[in-house]
Amino acid sequence: MKVLSGKGVVRLLERHGWGVARVHGSHYIMKKEGEPRVITVPVRGNKTLKLGMQRALLKIAGIPEAEAK
């Protein structure tokens, strides 16, 4: 799996139907219609996320790791 930046994860989530509900500081709060959970993505410039954080966000969103190219 390729390690993505916070911006890259936000773009990946948007391709899968998630939208930015609001931004609080450097955190993007993502929501999806019909999904009770929200996903908070830390976006700090173009810094890459740590692999564990990226895996956790994709798992919550229900996106397979193979799609993070």
PDB file of N, CA and C in Angstrom:
ATOM      1  N   MET A   1       0.848  -1.173   0.000  1.00  0.00           N
ATOM      2  CA  MET A   1       0.000   0.000   0.000  1.00  0.00           C
ATOM      3  C   MET A   1       0.893   1.236   0.000  1.00  0.00           C
ATOM      4  N   LYS A   2       0.516   2.202  -0.814  1.00  0.00           N
ATOM      5  CA  LYS A   2       1.245   3.459  -0.891  1.00  0.00           C
ATOM      6  C   LYS A   2       0.802   4.364   0.260  1.00  0.00           C
ATOM      7  N   VAL A   3       1.755   4.982   0.913  1.00  0.00           N
ATOM      8  CA  VAL A   3       1.433   5.896   1.998  1.00  0.00           C
ATOM      9  C   VAL A   3       1.009   7.230   1.390  1.00  0.00           C
ATOM     10  N   LEU A   4      -0.147   7.744   1.819  1.00  0.00           N
ATOM     11  CA  LEU A   4      -0.716   8.973   1.274  1.00  0.00           C
ATOM     12  C   LEU A   4      -0.601  10.114   2.274  1.00  0.00           C
ATOM     13  N   SER A   5      -0.696  11.325   1.763  1.00  0.00           N
ATOM     14  CA  SER A   5      -0.794  12.486   2.642  1.00  0.00           C
ATOM     15  C   SER A   5      -2.245  12.604   3.108  1.00  0.00           C
ATOM     16  N   GLY A   6      -2.493  13.508   4.026  1.00  0.00           N
ATOM     17  CA  GLY A   6      -3.859  13.736   4.480  1.00  0.00           C
ATOM     18  C   GLY A   6      -4.745  14.191   3.332  1.00  0.00           C
ATOM     19  N   LYS A   7      -4.195  15.049   2.454  1.00  0.00           N
ATOM     20  CA  LYS A   7      -4.949  15.508   1.290  1.00  0.00           C
ATOM     21  C   LYS A   7      -5.287  14.341   0.368  1.00  0.00           C
ATOM     22  N   GLY A   8      -4.360  13.408   0.219  1.00  0.00           N
ATOM     23  CA  GLY A   8      -4.596  12.236  -0.630  1.00  0.00           C
ATOM     24  C   GLY A   8      -5.700  11.356  -0.076  1.00  0.00           C
ATOM     25  N   VAL A   9      -5.736  11.203   1.236  1.00  0.00           N
ATOM     26  CA  VAL A   9      -6.790  10.398   1.864  1.00  0.00           C
ATOM     27  C   VAL A   9      -8.144  11.088   1.690  1.00  0.00           C
ATOM     28  N   VAL A  10      -8.180  12.410   1.816  1.00  0.00           N
ATOM     29  CA  VAL A  10      -9.431  13.146   1.620  1.00  0.00           C
ATOM     30  C   VAL A  10      -9.933  12.928   0.190  1.00  0.00           C
ATOM     31  N   ARG A  11      -9.043  13.016  -0.804  1.00  0.00           N
ATOM     32  CA  ARG A  11      -9.445  12.798  -2.200  1.00  0.00           C
ATOM     33  C   ARG A  11      -9.954  11.370  -2.403  1.00  0.00           C
ATOM     34  N   LEU A  12      -9.290  10.387  -1.793  1.00  0.00           N
ATOM     35  CA  LEU A  12      -9.720   8.989  -1.913  1.00  0.00           C
ATOM     36  C   LEU A  12     -11.109   8.805  -1.304  1.00  0.00           C
ATOM     37  N   LEU A  13     -11.332   9.393  -0.144  1.00  0.00           N
ATOM     38  CA  LEU A  13     -12.643   9.290   0.494  1.00  0.00           C
ATOM     39  C   LEU A  13     -13.719   9.963  -0.356  1.00  0.00           C
ATOM     40  N   GLU A  14     -13.398  11.094  -0.959  1.00  0.00           N
ATOM     41  CA  GLU A  14     -14.372  11.786  -1.809  1.00  0.00           C
ATOM     42  C   GLU A  14     -14.748  10.948  -3.028  1.00  0.00           C
ATOM     43  N   ARG A  15     -13.797  10.188  -3.563  1.00  0.00           N
ATOM     44  CA  ARG A  15     -14.109   9.305  -4.695  1.00  0.00           C
ATOM     45  C   ARG A  15     -15.042   8.175  -4.293  1.00  0.00           C
ATOM     46  N   HIS A  16     -15.104   7.867  -2.995  1.00  0.00           N
ATOM     47  CA  HIS A  16     -15.968   6.791  -2.504  1.00  0.00           C
ATOM     48  C   HIS A  16     -17.230   7.315  -1.830  1.00  0.00           C
ATOM     49  N   GLY A  17     -17.596   8.562  -2.115  1.00  0.00           N
ATOM     50  CA  GLY A  17     -18.873   9.074  -1.645  1.00  0.00           C
ATOM     51  C   GLY A  17     -18.843   9.873  -0.365  1.00  0.00           C
ATOM     52  N   TRP A  18     -17.694  10.029   0.268  1.00  0.00           N
ATOM     53  CA  TRP A  18     -17.585  10.821   1.480  1.00  0.00           C
ATOM     54  C   TRP A  18     -17.424  12.280   1.090  1.00  0.00           C
ATOM     55  N   GLY A  19     -17.922  13.176   1.911  1.00  0.00           N
ATOM     56  CA  GLY A  19     -17.797  14.603   1.651  1.00  0.00           C
ATOM     57  C   GLY A  19     -17.289  15.329   2.880  1.00  0.00           C
ATOM     58  N   VAL A  20     -16.689  16.473   2.679  1.00  0.00           N
ATOM     59  CA  VAL A  20     -16.185  17.274   3.785  1.00  0.00           C
ATOM     60  C   VAL A  20     -17.373  17.971   4.442  1.00  0.00           C
ATOM     61  N   ALA A  21     -17.630  17.631   5.692  1.00  0.00           N
ATOM     62  CA  ALA A  21     -18.715  18.248   6.437  1.00  0.00           C
ATOM     63  C   ALA A  21     -18.265  19.592   7.010  1.00  0.00           C
ATOM     64  N   ARG A  22     -17.032  19.616   7.519  1.00  0.00           N
ATOM     65  CA  ARG A  22     -16.472  20.850   8.060  1.00  0.00           C
ATOM     66  C   ARG A  22     -14.964  20.666   8.249  1.00  0.00           C
ATOM     67  N   VAL A  23     -14.299  21.770   8.495  1.00  0.00           N
ATOM     68  CA  VAL A  23     -12.866  21.753   8.761  1.00  0.00           C
ATOM     69  C   VAL A  23     -12.648  22.429  10.096  1.00  0.00           C
ATOM     70  N   HIS A  24     -11.922  21.770  10.964  1.00  0.00           N
ATOM     71  CA  HIS A  24     -11.631  22.319  12.284  1.00  0.00           C
ATOM     72  C   HIS A  24     -10.118  22.332  12.452  1.00  0.00           C
ATOM     73  N   GLY A  25      -9.517  23.487  12.216  1.00  0.00           N
ATOM     74  CA  GLY A  25      -8.058  23.586  12.276  1.00  0.00           C
ATOM     75  C   GLY A  25      -7.455  22.823  11.114  1.00  0.00           C
ATOM     76  N   SER A  26      -6.614  21.833  11.427  1.00  0.00           N
ATOM     77  CA  SER A  26      -5.985  21.036  10.369  1.00  0.00           C
ATOM     78  C   SER A  26      -6.674  19.686  10.193  1.00  0.00           C
ATOM     79  N   HIS A  27      -7.886  19.542  10.715  1.00  0.00           N
ATOM     80  CA  HIS A  27      -8.607  18.278  10.626  1.00  0.00           C
ATOM     81  C   HIS A  27      -9.849  18.433   9.749  1.00  0.00           C
ATOM     82  N   TYR A  28      -9.973  17.537   8.773  1.00  0.00           N
ATOM     83  CA  TYR A  28     -11.145  17.518   7.899  1.00  0.00           C
ATOM     84  C   TYR A  28     -12.108  16.473   8.450  1.00  0.00           C
ATOM     85  N   ILE A  29     -13.328  16.864   8.729  1.00  0.00           N
ATOM     86  CA  ILE A  29     -14.346  15.947   9.230  1.00  0.00           C
ATOM     87  C   ILE A  29     -15.189  15.531   8.026  1.00  0.00           C
ATOM     88  N   MET A  30     -15.156  14.234   7.718  1.00  0.00           N
ATOM     89  CA  MET A  30     -15.807  13.688   6.531  1.00  0.00           C
ATOM     90  C   MET A  30     -17.069  12.935   6.941  1.00  0.00           C
ATOM     91  N   LYS A  31     -18.148  13.119   6.168  1.00  0.00           N
ATOM     92  CA  LYS A  31     -19.411  12.409   6.388  1.00  0.00           C
ATOM     93  C   LYS A  31     -19.869  11.795   5.081  1.00  0.00           C
ATOM     94  N   LYS A  32     -20.697  10.760   5.215  1.00  0.00           N
ATOM     95  CA  LYS A  32     -21.290  10.100   4.056  1.00  0.00           C
ATOM     96  C   LYS A  32     -22.769   9.889   4.347  1.00  0.00           C
ATOM     97  N   GLU A  33     -23.590  10.161   3.363  1.00  0.00           N
ATOM     98  CA  GLU A  33     -25.038   9.988   3.515  1.00  0.00           C
ATOM     99  C   GLU A  33     -25.352   8.537   3.863  1.00  0.00           C
ATOM    100  N   GLY A  34     -26.149   8.345   4.890  1.00  0.00           N
ATOM    101  CA  GLY A  34     -26.549   7.012   5.307  1.00  0.00           C
ATOM    102  C   GLY A  34     -25.547   6.331   6.218  1.00  0.00           C
ATOM    103  N   GLU A  35     -24.414   6.947   6.474  1.00  0.00           N
ATOM    104  CA  GLU A  35     -23.371   6.380   7.336  1.00  0.00           C
ATOM    105  C   GLU A  35     -23.418   7.121   8.674  1.00  0.00           C
ATOM    106  N   PRO A  36     -23.599   6.396   9.790  1.00  0.00           N
ATOM    107  CA  PRO A  36     -23.720   7.082  11.078  1.00  0.00           C
ATOM    108  C   PRO A  36     -22.403   7.649  11.606  1.00  0.00           C
ATOM    109  N   ARG A  37     -21.281   7.156  11.108  1.00  0.00           N
ATOM    110  CA  ARG A  37     -19.982   7.603  11.621  1.00  0.00           C
ATOM    111  C   ARG A  37     -19.424   8.779  10.821  1.00  0.00           C
ATOM    112  N   VAL A  38     -18.494   9.474  11.438  1.00  0.00           N
ATOM    113  CA  VAL A  38     -17.714  10.492  10.750  1.00  0.00           C
ATOM    114  C   VAL A  38     -16.258  10.049  10.786  1.00  0.00           C
ATOM    115  N   ILE A  39     -15.477  10.550   9.847  1.00  0.00           N
ATOM    116  CA  ILE A  39     -14.055  10.241   9.795  1.00  0.00           C
ATOM    117  C   ILE A  39     -13.307  11.557   9.891  1.00  0.00           C
ATOM    118  N   THR A  40     -12.357  11.629  10.809  1.00  0.00           N
ATOM    119  CA  THR A  40     -11.551  12.828  10.985  1.00  0.00           C
ATOM    120  C   THR A  40     -10.167  12.568  10.405  1.00  0.00           C
ATOM    121  N   VAL A  41      -9.811  13.339   9.379  1.00  0.00           N
ATOM    122  CA  VAL A  41      -8.542  13.164   8.686  1.00  0.00           C
ATOM    123  C   VAL A  41      -7.630  14.340   9.010  1.00  0.00           C
ATOM    124  N   PRO A  42      -6.455  14.070   9.621  1.00  0.00           N
ATOM    125  CA  PRO A  42      -5.510  15.162   9.857  1.00  0.00           C
ATOM    126  C   PRO A  42      -4.813  15.551   8.556  1.00  0.00           C
ATOM    127  N   VAL A  43      -4.882  16.827   8.182  1.00  0.00           N
ATOM    128  CA  VAL A  43      -4.253  17.319   6.956  1.00  0.00           C
ATOM    129  C   VAL A  43      -3.227  18.369   7.366  1.00  0.00           C
ATOM    130  N   ARG A  44      -1.970  18.007   7.251  1.00  0.00           N
ATOM    131  CA  ARG A  44      -0.895  18.918   7.637  1.00  0.00           C
ATOM    132  C   ARG A  44       0.016  19.127   6.442  1.00  0.00           C
ATOM    133  N   GLY A  45      -0.429  20.003   5.554  1.00  0.00           N
ATOM    134  CA  GLY A  45       0.353  20.268   4.338  1.00  0.00           C
ATOM    135  C   GLY A  45       0.427  19.016   3.485  1.00  0.00           C
ATOM    136  N   ASN A  46       1.599  18.709   2.990  1.00  0.00           N
ATOM    137  CA  ASN A  46       1.788  17.502   2.189  1.00  0.00           C
ATOM    138  C   ASN A  46       2.502  16.404   2.958  1.00  0.00           C
ATOM    139  N   LYS A  47       2.482  16.489   4.289  1.00  0.00           N
ATOM    140  CA  LYS A  47       3.106  15.449   5.105  1.00  0.00           C
ATOM    141  C   LYS A  47       2.307  14.155   4.971  1.00  0.00           C
ATOM    142  N   THR A  48       3.018  13.053   4.870  1.00  0.00           N
ATOM    143  CA  THR A  48       2.341  11.764   4.755  1.00  0.00           C
ATOM    144  C   THR A  48       1.823  11.329   6.125  1.00  0.00           C
ATOM    145  N   LEU A  49       0.734  10.585   6.087  1.00  0.00           N
ATOM    146  CA  LEU A  49       0.191  10.013   7.316  1.00  0.00           C
ATOM    147  C   LEU A  49       1.002   8.775   7.669  1.00  0.00           C
ATOM    148  N   LYS A  50       1.016   8.439   8.928  1.00  0.00           N
ATOM    149  CA  LYS A  50       1.655   7.192   9.329  1.00  0.00           C
ATOM    150  C   LYS A  50       0.774   6.049   8.840  1.00  0.00           C
ATOM    151  N   LEU A  51       1.411   4.932   8.537  1.00  0.00           N
ATOM    152  CA  LEU A  51       0.723   3.804   7.918  1.00  0.00           C
ATOM    153  C   LEU A  51      -0.444   3.304   8.770  1.00  0.00           C
ATOM    154  N   GLY A  52      -0.266   3.245  10.088  1.00  0.00           N
ATOM    155  CA  GLY A  52      -1.343   2.782  10.967  1.00  0.00           C
ATOM    156  C   GLY A  52      -2.557   3.692  10.924  1.00  0.00           C
ATOM    157  N   MET A  53      -2.325   4.995  10.883  1.00  0.00           N
ATOM    158  CA  MET A  53      -3.423   5.965  10.800  1.00  0.00           C
ATOM    159  C   MET A  53      -4.170   5.808   9.482  1.00  0.00           C
ATOM    160  N   GLN A  54      -3.406   5.662   8.402  1.00  0.00           N
ATOM    161  CA  GLN A  54      -4.027   5.501   7.085  1.00  0.00           C
ATOM    162  C   GLN A  54      -4.860   4.229   7.031  1.00  0.00           C
ATOM    163  N   ARG A  55      -4.334   3.145   7.537  1.00  0.00           N
ATOM    164  CA  ARG A  55      -5.086   1.881   7.543  1.00  0.00           C
ATOM    165  C   ARG A  55      -6.359   2.002   8.364  1.00  0.00           C
ATOM    166  N   ALA A  56      -6.286   2.668   9.509  1.00  0.00           N
ATOM    167  CA  ALA A  56      -7.461   2.819  10.375  1.00  0.00           C
ATOM    168  C   ALA A  56      -8.548   3.641   9.678  1.00  0.00           C
ATOM    169  N   LEU A  57      -8.147   4.727   9.008  1.00  0.00           N
ATOM    170  CA  LEU A  57      -9.130   5.565   8.310  1.00  0.00           C
ATOM    171  C   LEU A  57      -9.801   4.798   7.181  1.00  0.00           C
ATOM    172  N   LEU A  58      -9.016   4.037   6.414  1.00  0.00           N
ATOM    173  CA  LEU A  58      -9.596   3.263   5.308  1.00  0.00           C
ATOM    174  C   LEU A  58     -10.503   2.152   5.833  1.00  0.00           C
ATOM    175  N   LYS A  59     -10.144   1.565   6.965  1.00  0.00           N
ATOM    176  CA  LYS A  59     -10.972   0.503   7.548  1.00  0.00           C
ATOM    177  C   LYS A  59     -12.327   1.061   7.994  1.00  0.00           C
ATOM    178  N   ILE A  60     -12.322   2.227   8.621  1.00  0.00           N
ATOM    179  CA  ILE A  60     -13.571   2.862   9.046  1.00  0.00           C
ATOM    180  C   ILE A  60     -14.450   3.158   7.834  1.00  0.00           C
ATOM    181  N   ALA A  61     -13.813   3.621   6.743  1.00  0.00           N
ATOM    182  CA  ALA A  61     -14.559   3.986   5.535  1.00  0.00           C
ATOM    183  C   ALA A  61     -14.994   2.772   4.733  1.00  0.00           C
ATOM    184  N   GLY A  62     -14.430   1.599   5.029  1.00  0.00           N
ATOM    185  CA  GLY A  62     -14.782   0.400   4.272  1.00  0.00           C
ATOM    186  C   GLY A  62     -14.114   0.339   2.912  1.00  0.00           C
ATOM    187  N   ILE A  63     -12.951   0.954   2.787  1.00  0.00           N
ATOM    188  CA  ILE A  63     -12.206   0.970   1.520  1.00  0.00           C
ATOM    189  C   ILE A  63     -11.066  -0.037   1.629  1.00  0.00           C
ATOM    190  N   PRO A  64     -10.932  -0.957   0.673  1.00  0.00           N
ATOM    191  CA  PRO A  64      -9.822  -1.918   0.709  1.00  0.00           C
ATOM    192  C   PRO A  64      -8.479  -1.213   0.576  1.00  0.00           C
ATOM    193  N   GLU A  65      -7.472  -1.750   1.249  1.00  0.00           N
ATOM    194  CA  GLU A  65      -6.135  -1.154   1.210  1.00  0.00           C
ATOM    195  C   GLU A  65      -5.562  -1.138  -0.198  1.00  0.00           C
ATOM    196  N   ALA A  66      -5.969  -2.069  -1.028  1.00  0.00           N
ATOM    197  CA  ALA A  66      -5.440  -2.153  -2.389  1.00  0.00           C
ATOM    198  C   ALA A  66      -5.819  -0.932  -3.228  1.00  0.00           C
ATOM    199  N   GLU A  67      -6.870  -0.206  -2.838  1.00  0.00           N
ATOM    200  CA  GLU A  67      -7.297   0.962  -3.609  1.00  0.00           C
ATOM    201  C   GLU A  67      -6.492   2.206  -3.294  1.00  0.00           C
ATOM    202  N   ALA A  68      -5.643   2.144  -2.255  1.00  0.00           N
ATOM    203  CA  ALA A  68      -4.787   3.288  -1.899  1.00  0.00           C
ATOM    204  C   ALA A  68      -3.511   3.192  -2.723  1.00  0.00           C
ATOM    205  N   LYS A  69      -3.604   3.584  -3.988  1.00  0.00           N
ATOM    206  CA  LYS A  69      -2.460   3.464  -4.889  1.00  0.00           C
ATOM    207  C   LYS A  69      -1.717   4.752  -4.988  1.00  0.00           C
TER     208      LYS A  69
END
